[in-house]
Amino acid sequence: MNYKNKIFSTLDTKALKLIEKWKMSGQKLVFTNGCFDILHSGHIKYLSEAKNLGDKLIIGLNSDSSVRKLKGTSRPVKSQNCRADILAFMSGVDMVVIFEEDTPIDLIKKIIPDVLVKGGDWKPQQIVGADLVIKNGGEVKSLAFLEGYSSSKIINRMHKV
């Protein structure tokens, strides 16, 4: 599959049909989200662990405007198209959906994943959509945080040089 076919600018009809096909075939869907501005070892480990929790890994990717709202006007460093390309090129990633909102709750409502995952800096009860996923029989996981890795820390170090 061409990695570009994994990227969706919205959760359109084509994406929803693919998700429905996966569900109908009994595949376990894992969902996570983030900015993934400067991909680092912490992200790689986290996404690998997330993929191991199911059959298909869907990533909700914050759009450029969403990242600016969350992280400030100097972010993102890489455009949403660049970040989506990098994530989609990873063999363990099955779908990347770009979202404009502050949170991925609308995506979660439409996807209803079997597993909702965030990094260890999030407690399960803080994870957006956790209640919805649990109510629908899914599980919510907070994966171990790999200390010393952070896009913000990398950017700050670059500015000090």
Protein backbone atom coordinates (compact mmCIF):
# COMPACT_ATOMS: atom_id res chain seq x y z
CA MET A 1 0.00 0.00 0.00
CA ASN A 2 1.27 3.46 -0.89
CA TYR A 3 1.85 5.31 2.38
CA LYS A 4 -0.07 8.34 1.00
CA ASN A 5 -3.22 6.18 0.95
CA LYS A 6 -3.02 5.98 4.75
CA ILE A 7 -3.45 9.77 5.17
CA PHE A 8 -6.84 11.45 5.48
CA SER A 9 -7.41 15.18 5.96
CA THR A 10 -10.75 14.37 7.62
CA LEU A 11 -12.59 11.23 8.63
CA ASP A 12 -14.33 11.08 5.25
CA THR A 13 -16.51 8.37 3.72
CA LYS A 14 -13.49 6.49 2.34
CA ALA A 15 -11.79 6.42 5.76
CA LEU A 16 -14.98 5.39 7.55
CA LYS A 17 -15.56 2.55 5.05
CA LEU A 18 -12.03 1.28 5.63
CA ILE A 19 -12.54 1.39 9.42
CA GLU A 20 -15.86 -0.44 9.05
CA LYS A 21 -14.16 -3.10 6.87
CA TRP A 22 -11.51 -3.61 9.56
CA LYS A 23 -14.17 -3.91 12.27
CA MET A 24 -16.29 -6.33 10.23
CA SER A 25 -13.25 -8.58 9.74
CA GLY A 26 -12.77 -8.72 13.52
CA GLN A 27 -9.63 -6.62 13.67
CA LYS A 28 -8.84 -4.82 16.91
CA LEU A 29 -8.53 -1.05 16.39
CA VAL A 30 -6.09 1.02 18.44
CA PHE A 31 -6.37 4.82 18.44
CA THR A 32 -3.94 7.43 19.66
CA ASN A 33 -3.39 11.07 18.90
CA GLY A 34 -0.80 13.80 19.14
CA CYS A 35 1.21 16.53 17.45
CA PHE A 36 4.25 14.35 16.62
CA ASP A 37 6.12 17.53 15.69
CA ILE A 38 9.67 16.21 15.88
CA LEU A 39 9.53 12.44 15.79
CA HIS A 40 11.96 10.96 18.31
CA SER A 41 12.77 7.64 20.01
CA GLY A 42 10.04 8.17 22.60
CA HIS A 43 7.44 8.42 19.83
CA ILE A 44 8.81 5.35 18.03
CA LYS A 45 8.71 3.21 21.18
CA TYR A 46 5.25 4.52 22.08
CA LEU A 47 3.76 3.88 18.62
CA SER A 48 5.31 0.41 18.49
CA GLU A 49 3.77 -0.46 21.87
CA ALA A 50 0.43 0.98 20.78
CA LYS A 51 0.43 -1.13 17.61
CA ASN A 52 1.13 -4.26 19.67
CA LEU A 53 -2.18 -3.72 21.50
CA GLY A 54 -4.23 -4.51 18.39
CA ASP A 55 -4.33 -5.14 14.66
CA LYS A 56 -4.74 -1.65 13.22
CA LEU A 57 -3.20 1.58 14.53
CA ILE A 58 -5.05 4.80 13.77
CA ILE A 59 -3.39 8.12 14.63
CA GLY A 60 -5.30 11.36 15.07
CA LEU A 61 -2.80 14.06 14.08
CA ASN A 62 -3.25 17.63 15.28
CA SER A 63 -3.41 20.04 12.35
CA ASP A 64 -1.01 22.98 12.17
CA SER A 65 -3.65 25.39 13.54
CA SER A 66 -4.49 22.96 16.35
CA VAL A 67 -0.81 22.65 17.31
CA ARG A 68 -0.44 26.46 17.37
CA LYS A 69 -3.42 26.71 19.76
CA LEU A 70 -1.92 24.08 22.05
CA LYS A 71 1.80 24.88 21.88
CA GLY A 72 2.12 28.50 20.74
CA THR A 73 2.76 30.42 17.53
CA SER A 74 6.27 29.05 17.01
CA ARG A 75 4.91 25.53 16.57
CA PRO A 76 4.66 23.24 14.76
CA VAL A 77 8.19 22.98 13.44
CA LYS A 78 7.06 20.61 10.68
CA SER A 79 3.87 21.07 8.66
CA GLN A 80 0.90 18.75 9.13
CA ASN A 81 1.58 17.25 5.69
CA CYS A 82 5.20 16.49 6.58
CA ARG A 83 4.23 15.03 9.97
CA ALA A 84 1.48 12.93 8.35
CA ASP A 85 3.90 11.62 5.69
CA ILE A 86 6.46 10.57 8.31
CA LEU A 87 3.86 8.77 10.44
CA ALA A 88 2.15 7.10 7.46
CA PHE A 89 5.49 5.83 6.16
CA MET A 90 5.92 3.79 9.36
CA SER A 91 4.93 0.18 8.73
CA GLY A 92 3.03 -0.12 12.01
CA VAL A 93 0.75 2.83 11.28
CA ASP A 94 -2.40 1.96 9.34
CA MET A 95 -4.16 5.33 9.15
CA VAL A 96 -3.41 8.98 9.92
CA VAL A 97 -6.34 11.38 10.26
CA ILE A 98 -5.61 15.10 10.58
CA PHE A 99 -7.98 16.98 12.89
CA GLU A 100 -8.49 20.71 13.46
CA GLU A 101 -10.08 20.66 16.91
CA ASP A 102 -8.26 20.98 20.25
CA THR A 103 -9.09 17.36 21.10
CA PRO A 104 -9.79 14.23 19.03
CA ILE A 105 -13.18 13.55 20.66
CA ASP A 106 -15.07 13.78 17.35
CA LEU A 107 -12.74 11.20 15.79
CA ILE A 108 -13.10 8.91 18.79
CA LYS A 109 -16.92 9.16 18.62
CA LYS A 110 -16.87 8.11 14.95
CA ILE A 111 -14.20 5.41 15.22
CA ILE A 112 -15.13 3.87 18.61
CA PRO A 113 -11.73 2.14 18.91
CA ASP A 114 -11.21 -1.07 20.85
CA VAL A 115 -8.19 0.46 22.57
CA LEU A 116 -7.53 4.14 23.30
CA VAL A 117 -3.89 4.91 24.07
CA LYS A 118 -1.88 7.89 25.32
CA GLY A 119 1.60 8.31 26.73
CA GLY A 120 2.44 7.79 30.39
CA ASP A 121 2.22 11.49 31.12
CA TRP A 122 -1.57 11.04 30.88
CA LYS A 123 -3.57 9.26 33.58
CA PRO A 124 -6.33 7.07 32.08
CA GLN A 125 -9.07 9.26 33.61
CA GLN A 126 -7.54 12.35 31.91
CA ILE A 127 -7.57 10.83 28.43
CA VAL A 128 -10.13 12.46 26.16
CA GLY A 129 -12.74 9.92 25.09
CA ALA A 130 -11.85 7.35 27.77
CA ASP A 131 -15.41 7.22 29.14
CA LEU A 132 -16.87 6.68 25.66
CA VAL A 133 -14.44 3.89 24.77
CA ILE A 134 -15.00 2.10 28.09
CA LYS A 135 -18.79 2.47 27.75
CA ASN A 136 -18.54 0.71 24.37
CA GLY A 137 -16.55 -2.22 25.80
CA GLY A 138 -13.09 -0.94 24.89
CA GLU A 139 -10.05 -0.35 27.04
CA VAL A 140 -7.92 2.69 27.81
CA LYS A 141 -4.16 2.43 28.26
CA SER A 142 -1.54 4.87 29.43
CA LEU A 143 1.80 3.58 28.12
CA ALA A 144 5.11 4.04 29.87
CA PHE A 145 6.76 7.39 29.23
CA LEU A 146 10.32 7.25 27.89
CA GLU A 147 12.17 9.81 30.02
CA GLY A 148 14.31 12.44 28.36
CA TYR A 149 12.42 12.60 25.08
CA SER A 150 10.18 15.51 24.21
CA SER A 151 9.75 17.56 21.05
CA SER A 152 9.56 20.71 23.18
CA LYS A 153 12.82 19.87 24.97
CA ILE A 154 14.55 19.19 21.65
CA ILE A 155 13.34 22.54 20.27
CA ASN A 156 14.44 24.37 23.42
CA ARG A 157 17.92 22.80 23.20
CA MET A 158 18.19 23.88 19.55
CA HIS A 159 17.41 27.49 20.48
CA LYS A 160 20.09 27.53 23.18
CA VAL A 161 22.85 26.50 20.78
